[in-house]
Amino acid sequence: MSEKVRVYATPACPYCKMAKEFLSKKGVPFTAYDVKKDKEALKEMKKISGGALRVPVISVCNEVMVGFDRGRLEQALSCLEQSSKIE
């Protein structure tokens, strides 16, 4: 999986919705996975998060965070700016 930003979520999760809205408002492209329906995505989410069963799990560049923390996500997104300068 080469997407730079991935959000593992469930439809009923309010923090998942907040995370996706935050990324959308910032204009950050991301791929969302519904781990209730997509068992492969659930397996991947557990693998990258050390077994977390809480959502959202957000992967930005090489950083993985469990839960929605606006400040931490904002900071993690700086890697996208750096990688676009390199490309």
PDB file of N, CA and C in Angstrom:
ATOM      1  N   MET A   1       0.848  -1.190   0.000  1.00  0.00           N
ATOM      2  CA  MET A   1       0.000   0.000   0.000  1.00  0.00           C
ATOM      3  C   MET A   1       0.884   1.241   0.000  1.00  0.00           C
ATOM      4  N   SER A   2       0.713   2.048  -1.020  1.00  0.00           N
ATOM      5  CA  SER A   2       1.607   3.195  -1.148  1.00  0.00           C
ATOM      6  C   SER A   2       0.919   4.526  -0.877  1.00  0.00           C
ATOM      7  N   GLU A   3      -0.347   4.511  -0.479  1.00  0.00           N
ATOM      8  CA  GLU A   3      -1.024   5.770  -0.191  1.00  0.00           C
ATOM      9  C   GLU A   3      -0.290   6.476   0.949  1.00  0.00           C
ATOM     10  N   LYS A   4      -0.187   7.779   0.851  1.00  0.00           N
ATOM     11  CA  LYS A   4       0.529   8.515   1.893  1.00  0.00           C
ATOM     12  C   LYS A   4      -0.311   8.708   3.138  1.00  0.00           C
ATOM     13  N   VAL A   5      -1.645   8.802   2.989  1.00  0.00           N
ATOM     14  CA  VAL A   5      -2.523   8.960   4.145  1.00  0.00           C
ATOM     15  C   VAL A   5      -3.642   7.920   4.054  1.00  0.00           C
ATOM     16  N   ARG A   6      -3.743   7.124   5.108  1.00  0.00           N
ATOM     17  CA  ARG A   6      -4.792   6.095   5.175  1.00  0.00           C
ATOM     18  C   ARG A   6      -5.540   6.255   6.482  1.00  0.00           C
ATOM     19  N   VAL A   7      -6.862   6.106   6.418  1.00  0.00           N
ATOM     20  CA  VAL A   7      -7.700   6.190   7.605  1.00  0.00           C
ATOM     21  C   VAL A   7      -8.486   4.879   7.712  1.00  0.00           C
ATOM     22  N   TYR A   8      -8.253   4.160   8.788  1.00  0.00           N
ATOM     23  CA  TYR A   8      -8.992   2.929   9.072  1.00  0.00           C
ATOM     24  C   TYR A   8     -10.097   3.310  10.045  1.00  0.00           C
ATOM     25  N   ALA A   9     -11.349   3.027   9.665  1.00  0.00           N
ATOM     26  CA  ALA A   9     -12.476   3.555  10.420  1.00  0.00           C
ATOM     27  C   ALA A   9     -13.660   2.597  10.394  1.00  0.00           C
ATOM     28  N   THR A  10     -14.694   2.974  11.139  1.00  0.00           N
ATOM     29  CA  THR A  10     -15.989   2.310  11.067  1.00  0.00           C
ATOM     30  C   THR A  10     -17.046   3.383  10.820  1.00  0.00           C
ATOM     31  N   PRO A  11     -18.170   3.013  10.227  1.00  0.00           N
ATOM     32  CA  PRO A  11     -19.192   4.009   9.900  1.00  0.00           C
ATOM     33  C   PRO A  11     -19.774   4.731  11.122  1.00  0.00           C
ATOM     34  N   ALA A  12     -19.857   4.064  12.262  1.00  0.00           N
ATOM     35  CA  ALA A  12     -20.506   4.657  13.440  1.00  0.00           C
ATOM     36  C   ALA A  12     -19.556   5.472  14.321  1.00  0.00           C
ATOM     37  N   CYS A  13     -18.294   5.545  13.971  1.00  0.00           N
ATOM     38  CA  CYS A  13     -17.283   6.179  14.819  1.00  0.00           C
ATOM     39  C   CYS A  13     -17.248   7.697  14.595  1.00  0.00           C
ATOM     40  N   PRO A  14     -17.612   8.498  15.621  1.00  0.00           N
ATOM     41  CA  PRO A  14     -17.611   9.955  15.445  1.00  0.00           C
ATOM     42  C   PRO A  14     -16.205  10.535  15.255  1.00  0.00           C
ATOM     43  N   TYR A  15     -15.193   9.939  15.899  1.00  0.00           N
ATOM     44  CA  TYR A  15     -13.822  10.447  15.743  1.00  0.00           C
ATOM     45  C   TYR A  15     -13.274  10.136  14.355  1.00  0.00           C
ATOM     46  N   CYS A  16     -13.734   9.027  13.789  1.00  0.00           N
ATOM     47  CA  CYS A  16     -13.341   8.694  12.418  1.00  0.00           C
ATOM     48  C   CYS A  16     -13.883   9.756  11.462  1.00  0.00           C
ATOM     49  N   LYS A  17     -15.142  10.112  11.659  1.00  0.00           N
ATOM     50  CA  LYS A  17     -15.773  11.136  10.827  1.00  0.00           C
ATOM     51  C   LYS A  17     -15.039  12.465  10.977  1.00  0.00           C
ATOM     52  N   MET A  18     -14.688  12.827  12.212  1.00  0.00           N
ATOM     53  CA  MET A  18     -13.961  14.076  12.451  1.00  0.00           C
ATOM     54  C   MET A  18     -12.604  14.066  11.744  1.00  0.00           C
ATOM     55  N   ALA A  19     -11.905  12.944  11.806  1.00  0.00           N
ATOM     56  CA  ALA A  19     -10.591  12.836  11.165  1.00  0.00           C
ATOM     57  C   ALA A  19     -10.720  12.996   9.651  1.00  0.00           C
ATOM     58  N   LYS A  20     -11.703  12.337   9.059  1.00  0.00           N
ATOM     59  CA  LYS A  20     -11.889  12.424   7.613  1.00  0.00           C
ATOM     60  C   LYS A  20     -12.314  13.833   7.196  1.00  0.00           C
ATOM     61  N   GLU A  21     -13.173  14.470   7.980  1.00  0.00           N
ATOM     62  CA  GLU A  21     -13.571  15.849   7.680  1.00  0.00           C
ATOM     63  C   GLU A  21     -12.381  16.798   7.790  1.00  0.00           C
ATOM     64  N   PHE A  22     -11.556  16.608   8.806  1.00  0.00           N
ATOM     65  CA  PHE A  22     -10.361  17.438   8.995  1.00  0.00           C
ATOM     66  C   PHE A  22      -9.453  17.333   7.768  1.00  0.00           C
ATOM     67  N   LEU A  23      -9.179  16.105   7.325  1.00  0.00           N
ATOM     68  CA  LEU A  23      -8.306  15.902   6.168  1.00  0.00           C
ATOM     69  C   LEU A  23      -8.922  16.517   4.910  1.00  0.00           C
ATOM     70  N   SER A  24     -10.227  16.339   4.746  1.00  0.00           N
ATOM     71  CA  SER A  24     -10.905  16.898   3.572  1.00  0.00           C
ATOM     72  C   SER A  24     -10.830  18.422   3.556  1.00  0.00           C
ATOM     73  N   LYS A  25     -11.078  19.046   4.705  1.00  0.00           N
ATOM     74  CA  LYS A  25     -11.014  20.515   4.787  1.00  0.00           C
ATOM     75  C   LYS A  25      -9.615  21.040   4.493  1.00  0.00           C
ATOM     76  N   LYS A  26      -8.592  20.266   4.851  1.00  0.00           N
ATOM     77  CA  LYS A  26      -7.206  20.671   4.599  1.00  0.00           C
ATOM     78  C   LYS A  26      -6.800  20.363   3.161  1.00  0.00           C
ATOM     79  N   GLY A  27      -7.668  19.674   2.421  1.00  0.00           N
ATOM     80  CA  GLY A  27      -7.345  19.331   1.043  1.00  0.00           C
ATOM     81  C   GLY A  27      -6.351  18.195   0.921  1.00  0.00           C
ATOM     82  N   VAL A  28      -6.267  17.367   1.945  1.00  0.00           N
ATOM     83  CA  VAL A  28      -5.313  16.260   1.951  1.00  0.00           C
ATOM     84  C   VAL A  28      -5.987  15.018   1.372  1.00  0.00           C
ATOM     85  N   PRO A  29      -5.459  14.487   0.278  1.00  0.00           N
ATOM     86  CA  PRO A  29      -6.036  13.253  -0.257  1.00  0.00           C
ATOM     87  C   PRO A  29      -5.737  12.085   0.680  1.00  0.00           C
ATOM     88  N   PHE A  30      -6.723  11.235   0.886  1.00  0.00           N
ATOM     89  CA  PHE A  30      -6.532  10.077   1.756  1.00  0.00           C
ATOM     90  C   PHE A  30      -7.388   8.928   1.255  1.00  0.00           C
ATOM     91  N   THR A  31      -7.046   7.735   1.699  1.00  0.00           N
ATOM     92  CA  THR A  31      -7.837   6.550   1.402  1.00  0.00           C
ATOM     93  C   THR A  31      -8.462   6.090   2.702  1.00  0.00           C
ATOM     94  N   ALA A  32      -9.771   5.896   2.687  1.00  0.00           N
ATOM     95  CA  ALA A  32     -10.496   5.453   3.878  1.00  0.00           C
ATOM     96  C   ALA A  32     -10.847   3.977   3.724  1.00  0.00           C
ATOM     97  N   TYR A  33     -10.679   3.238   4.797  1.00  0.00           N
ATOM     98  CA  TYR A  33     -11.009   1.818   4.825  1.00  0.00           C
ATOM     99  C   TYR A  33     -12.044   1.575   5.909  1.00  0.00           C
ATOM    100  N   ASP A  34     -13.109   0.881   5.577  1.00  0.00           N
ATOM    101  CA  ASP A  34     -14.140   0.492   6.541  1.00  0.00           C
ATOM    102  C   ASP A  34     -13.756  -0.876   7.089  1.00  0.00           C
ATOM    103  N   VAL A  35     -13.197  -0.900   8.282  1.00  0.00           N
ATOM    104  CA  VAL A  35     -12.692  -2.155   8.840  1.00  0.00           C
ATOM    105  C   VAL A  35     -13.808  -3.078   9.322  1.00  0.00           C
ATOM    106  N   LYS A  36     -15.027  -2.593   9.353  1.00  0.00           N
ATOM    107  CA  LYS A  36     -16.169  -3.472   9.660  1.00  0.00           C
ATOM    108  C   LYS A  36     -16.471  -4.392   8.474  1.00  0.00           C
ATOM    109  N   LYS A  37     -16.305  -3.854   7.256  1.00  0.00           N
ATOM    110  CA  LYS A  37     -16.629  -4.617   6.050  1.00  0.00           C
ATOM    111  C   LYS A  37     -15.405  -5.251   5.395  1.00  0.00           C
ATOM    112  N   ASP A  38     -14.259  -4.608   5.537  1.00  0.00           N
ATOM    113  CA  ASP A  38     -13.048  -5.027   4.829  1.00  0.00           C
ATOM    114  C   ASP A  38     -12.098  -5.739   5.795  1.00  0.00           C
ATOM    115  N   LYS A  39     -12.143  -7.059   5.767  1.00  0.00           N
ATOM    116  CA  LYS A  39     -11.322  -7.853   6.709  1.00  0.00           C
ATOM    117  C   LYS A  39      -9.830  -7.722   6.434  1.00  0.00           C
ATOM    118  N   GLU A  40      -9.455  -7.532   5.166  1.00  0.00           N
ATOM    119  CA  GLU A  40      -8.035  -7.328   4.844  1.00  0.00           C
ATOM    120  C   GLU A  40      -7.552  -6.003   5.431  1.00  0.00           C
ATOM    121  N   ALA A  41      -8.389  -4.976   5.357  1.00  0.00           N
ATOM    122  CA  ALA A  41      -8.029  -3.679   5.942  1.00  0.00           C
ATOM    123  C   ALA A  41      -7.923  -3.797   7.457  1.00  0.00           C
ATOM    124  N   LEU A  42      -8.807  -4.563   8.081  1.00  0.00           N
ATOM    125  CA  LEU A  42      -8.738  -4.779   9.527  1.00  0.00           C
ATOM    126  C   LEU A  42      -7.422  -5.455   9.893  1.00  0.00           C
ATOM    127  N   LYS A  43      -7.037  -6.455   9.109  1.00  0.00           N
ATOM    128  CA  LYS A  43      -5.777  -7.161   9.357  1.00  0.00           C
ATOM    129  C   LYS A  43      -4.587  -6.206   9.211  1.00  0.00           C
ATOM    130  N   GLU A  44      -4.613  -5.381   8.162  1.00  0.00           N
ATOM    131  CA  GLU A  44      -3.542  -4.399   7.938  1.00  0.00           C
ATOM    132  C   GLU A  44      -3.497  -3.378   9.073  1.00  0.00           C
ATOM    133  N   MET A  45      -4.672  -2.910   9.517  1.00  0.00           N
ATOM    134  CA  MET A  45      -4.753  -1.942  10.612  1.00  0.00           C
ATOM    135  C   MET A  45      -4.115  -2.505  11.879  1.00  0.00           C
ATOM    136  N   LYS A  46      -4.439  -3.752  12.201  1.00  0.00           N
ATOM    137  CA  LYS A  46      -3.862  -4.386  13.398  1.00  0.00           C
ATOM    138  C   LYS A  46      -2.352  -4.510  13.263  1.00  0.00           C
ATOM    139  N   LYS A  47      -1.904  -4.866  12.072  1.00  0.00           N
ATOM    140  CA  LYS A  47      -0.465  -5.054  11.824  1.00  0.00           C
ATOM    141  C   LYS A  47       0.314  -3.754  12.020  1.00  0.00           C
ATOM    142  N   ILE A  48      -0.169  -2.666  11.426  1.00  0.00           N
ATOM    143  CA  ILE A  48       0.599  -1.413  11.480  1.00  0.00           C
ATOM    144  C   ILE A  48       0.472  -0.698  12.821  1.00  0.00           C
ATOM    145  N   SER A  49      -0.577  -1.036  13.591  1.00  0.00           N
ATOM    146  CA  SER A  49      -0.819  -0.318  14.851  1.00  0.00           C
ATOM    147  C   SER A  49      -0.421  -1.119  16.081  1.00  0.00           C
ATOM    148  N   GLY A  50       0.184  -2.267  15.885  1.00  0.00           N
ATOM    149  CA  GLY A  50       0.579  -3.084  17.029  1.00  0.00           C
ATOM    150  C   GLY A  50      -0.609  -3.791  17.667  1.00  0.00           C
ATOM    151  N   GLY A  51      -1.638  -4.071  16.872  1.00  0.00           N
ATOM    152  CA  GLY A  51      -2.779  -4.826  17.367  1.00  0.00           C
ATOM    153  C   GLY A  51      -3.958  -3.995  17.846  1.00  0.00           C
ATOM    154  N   ALA A  52      -3.955  -2.712  17.580  1.00  0.00           N
ATOM    155  CA  ALA A  52      -5.038  -1.839  18.047  1.00  0.00           C
ATOM    156  C   ALA A  52      -6.384  -2.289  17.489  1.00  0.00           C
ATOM    157  N   LEU A  53      -7.384  -2.223  18.331  1.00  0.00           N
ATOM    158  CA  LEU A  53      -8.749  -2.534  17.912  1.00  0.00           C
ATOM    159  C   LEU A  53      -9.632  -1.293  17.944  1.00  0.00           C
ATOM    160  N   ARG A  54      -9.073  -0.161  18.378  1.00  0.00           N
ATOM    161  CA  ARG A  54      -9.812   1.109  18.386  1.00  0.00           C
ATOM    162  C   ARG A  54      -9.628   1.812  17.059  1.00  0.00           C
ATOM    163  N   VAL A  55     -10.626   2.593  16.685  1.00  0.00           N
ATOM    164  CA  VAL A  55     -10.544   3.398  15.478  1.00  0.00           C
ATOM    165  C   VAL A  55     -10.798   4.855  15.848  1.00  0.00           C
ATOM    166  N   PRO A  56     -10.349   5.791  15.064  1.00  0.00           N
ATOM    167  CA  PRO A  56      -9.619   5.583  13.827  1.00  0.00           C
ATOM    168  C   PRO A  56      -8.149   5.247  14.071  1.00  0.00           C
ATOM    169  N   VAL A  57      -7.589   4.537  13.111  1.00  0.00           N
ATOM    170  CA  VAL A  57      -6.143   4.382  13.018  1.00  0.00           C
ATOM    171  C   VAL A  57      -5.769   5.152  11.760  1.00  0.00           C
ATOM    172  N   ILE A  58      -4.857   6.089  11.926  1.00  0.00           N
ATOM    173  CA  ILE A  58      -4.482   6.973  10.819  1.00  0.00           C
ATOM    174  C   ILE A  58      -3.002   6.782  10.528  1.00  0.00           C
ATOM    175  N   SER A  59      -2.703   6.514   9.281  1.00  0.00           N
ATOM    176  CA  SER A  59      -1.328   6.336   8.843  1.00  0.00           C
ATOM    177  C   SER A  59      -0.963   7.500   7.931  1.00  0.00           C
ATOM    178  N   VAL A  60       0.068   8.244   8.330  1.00  0.00           N
ATOM    179  CA  VAL A  60       0.557   9.378   7.540  1.00  0.00           C
ATOM    180  C   VAL A  60       2.043   9.162   7.312  1.00  0.00           C
ATOM    181  N   CYS A  61       2.416   9.038   6.043  1.00  0.00           N
ATOM    182  CA  CYS A  61       3.797   8.712   5.691  1.00  0.00           C
ATOM    183  C   CYS A  61       4.199   7.464   6.476  1.00  0.00           C
ATOM    184  N   ASN A  62       5.134   7.556   7.396  1.00  0.00           N
ATOM    185  CA  ASN A  62       5.548   6.381   8.165  1.00  0.00           C
ATOM    186  C   ASN A  62       5.052   6.410   9.602  1.00  0.00           C
ATOM    187  N   GLU A  63       4.202   7.354   9.942  1.00  0.00           N
ATOM    188  CA  GLU A  63       3.696   7.469  11.309  1.00  0.00           C
ATOM    189  C   GLU A  63       2.281   6.897  11.399  1.00  0.00           C
ATOM    190  N   VAL A  64       2.043   6.147  12.473  1.00  0.00           N
ATOM    191  CA  VAL A  64       0.723   5.564  12.700  1.00  0.00           C
ATOM    192  C   VAL A  64       0.214   6.077  14.033  1.00  0.00           C
ATOM    193  N   MET A  65      -1.030   6.579  14.028  1.00  0.00           N
ATOM    194  CA  MET A  65      -1.624   7.042  15.278  1.00  0.00           C
ATOM    195  C   MET A  65      -2.980   6.390  15.473  1.00  0.00           C
ATOM    196  N   VAL A  66      -3.263   6.069  16.726  1.00  0.00           N
ATOM    197  CA  VAL A  66      -4.553   5.481  17.083  1.00  0.00           C
ATOM    198  C   VAL A  66      -5.370   6.572  17.750  1.00  0.00           C
ATOM    199  N   GLY A  67      -6.544   6.853  17.195  1.00  0.00           N
ATOM    200  CA  GLY A  67      -7.380   7.929  17.703  1.00  0.00           C
ATOM    201  C   GLY A  67      -7.150   9.196  16.900  1.00  0.00           C
ATOM    202  N   PHE A  68      -8.047  10.156  17.080  1.00  0.00           N
ATOM    203  CA  PHE A  68      -7.939  11.427  16.354  1.00  0.00           C
ATOM    204  C   PHE A  68      -7.429  12.498  17.296  1.00  0.00           C
ATOM    205  N   ASP A  69      -6.207  12.937  17.039  1.00  0.00           N
ATOM    206  CA  ASP A  69      -5.579  14.027  17.781  1.00  0.00           C
ATOM    207  C   ASP A  69      -5.217  15.078  16.735  1.00  0.00           C
ATOM    208  N   ARG A  70      -6.018  16.136  16.679  1.00  0.00           N
ATOM    209  CA  ARG A  70      -5.864  17.164  15.642  1.00  0.00           C
ATOM    210  C   ARG A  70      -4.429  17.697  15.570  1.00  0.00           C
ATOM    211  N   GLY A  71      -3.841  18.039  16.710  1.00  0.00           N
ATOM    212  CA  GLY A  71      -2.491  18.598  16.734  1.00  0.00           C
ATOM    213  C   GLY A  71      -1.448  17.621  16.225  1.00  0.00           C
ATOM    214  N   ARG A  72      -1.547  16.382  16.664  1.00  0.00           N
ATOM    215  CA  ARG A  72      -0.577  15.370  16.235  1.00  0.00           C
ATOM    216  C   ARG A  72      -0.733  15.078  14.741  1.00  0.00           C
ATOM    217  N   LEU A  73      -1.984  15.033  14.277  1.00  0.00           N
ATOM    218  CA  LEU A  73      -2.217  14.786  12.856  1.00  0.00           C
ATOM    219  C   LEU A  73      -1.685  15.946  12.017  1.00  0.00           C
ATOM    220  N   GLU A  74      -1.919  17.155  12.476  1.00  0.00           N
ATOM    221  CA  GLU A  74      -1.405  18.346  11.782  1.00  0.00           C
ATOM    222  C   GLU A  74       0.120  18.259  11.653  1.00  0.00           C
ATOM    223  N   GLN A  75       0.767  17.878  12.734  1.00  0.00           N
ATOM    224  CA  GLN A  75       2.226  17.759  12.733  1.00  0.00           C
ATOM    225  C   GLN A  75       2.678  16.641  11.789  1.00  0.00           C
ATOM    226  N   ALA A  76       1.972  15.518  11.810  1.00  0.00           N
ATOM    227  CA  ALA A  76       2.339  14.388  10.945  1.00  0.00           C
ATOM    228  C   ALA A  76       2.199  14.748   9.468  1.00  0.00           C
ATOM    229  N   LEU A  77       1.241  15.607   9.154  1.00  0.00           N
ATOM    230  CA  LEU A  77       1.016  15.991   7.760  1.00  0.00           C
ATOM    231  C   LEU A  77       2.178  16.787   7.177  1.00  0.00           C
ATOM    232  N   SER A  78       3.046  17.320   8.019  1.00  0.00           N
ATOM    233  CA  SER A  78       4.192  18.077   7.513  1.00  0.00           C
ATOM    234  C   SER A  78       5.094  17.208   6.642  1.00  0.00           C
ATOM    235  N   CYS A  79       5.061  15.898   6.838  1.00  0.00           N
ATOM    236  CA  CYS A  79       5.882  15.008   6.001  1.00  0.00           C
ATOM    237  C   CYS A  79       5.427  15.059   4.545  1.00  0.00           C
ATOM    238  N   LEU A  80       4.152  15.340   4.313  1.00  0.00           N
ATOM    239  CA  LEU A  80       3.648  15.430   2.935  1.00  0.00           C
ATOM    240  C   LEU A  80       4.258  16.630   2.224  1.00  0.00           C
ATOM    241  N   GLU A  81       4.374  17.752   2.940  1.00  0.00           N
ATOM    242  CA  GLU A  81       4.991  18.940   2.360  1.00  0.00           C
ATOM    243  C   GLU A  81       6.452  18.664   2.038  1.00  0.00           C
ATOM    244  N   GLN A  82       7.136  17.978   2.946  1.00  0.00           N
ATOM    245  CA  GLN A  82       8.549  17.680   2.735  1.00  0.00           C
ATOM    246  C   GLN A  82       8.728  16.746   1.547  1.00  0.00           C
ATOM    247  N   SER A  83       7.870  15.718   1.442  1.00  0.00           N
ATOM    248  CA  SER A  83       8.037  14.769   0.341  1.00  0.00           C
ATOM    249  C   SER A  83       7.673  15.407  -0.995  1.00  0.00           C
ATOM    250  N   SER A  84       6.749  16.390  -1.011  1.00  0.00           N
ATOM    251  CA  SER A  84       6.416  17.034  -2.284  1.00  0.00           C
ATOM    252  C   SER A  84       7.553  17.947  -2.742  1.00  0.00           C
ATOM    253  N   LYS A  85       8.357  18.454  -1.823  1.00  0.00           N
ATOM    254  CA  LYS A  85       9.511  19.275  -2.193  1.00  0.00           C
ATOM    255  C   LYS A  85      10.611  18.406  -2.803  1.00  0.00           C
ATOM    256  N   ILE A  86      10.688  17.158  -2.349  1.00  0.00           N
ATOM    257  CA  ILE A  86      11.717  16.243  -2.834  1.00  0.00           C
ATOM    258  C   ILE A  86      11.379  15.745  -4.245  1.00  0.00           C
ATOM    259  N   GLU A  87      10.093  15.497  -4.489  1.00  0.00           N
ATOM    260  CA  GLU A  87       9.677  14.908  -5.781  1.00  0.00           C
ATOM    261  C   GLU A  87       9.840  15.838  -6.938  1.00  0.00           C
TER     262      GLU A  87
END
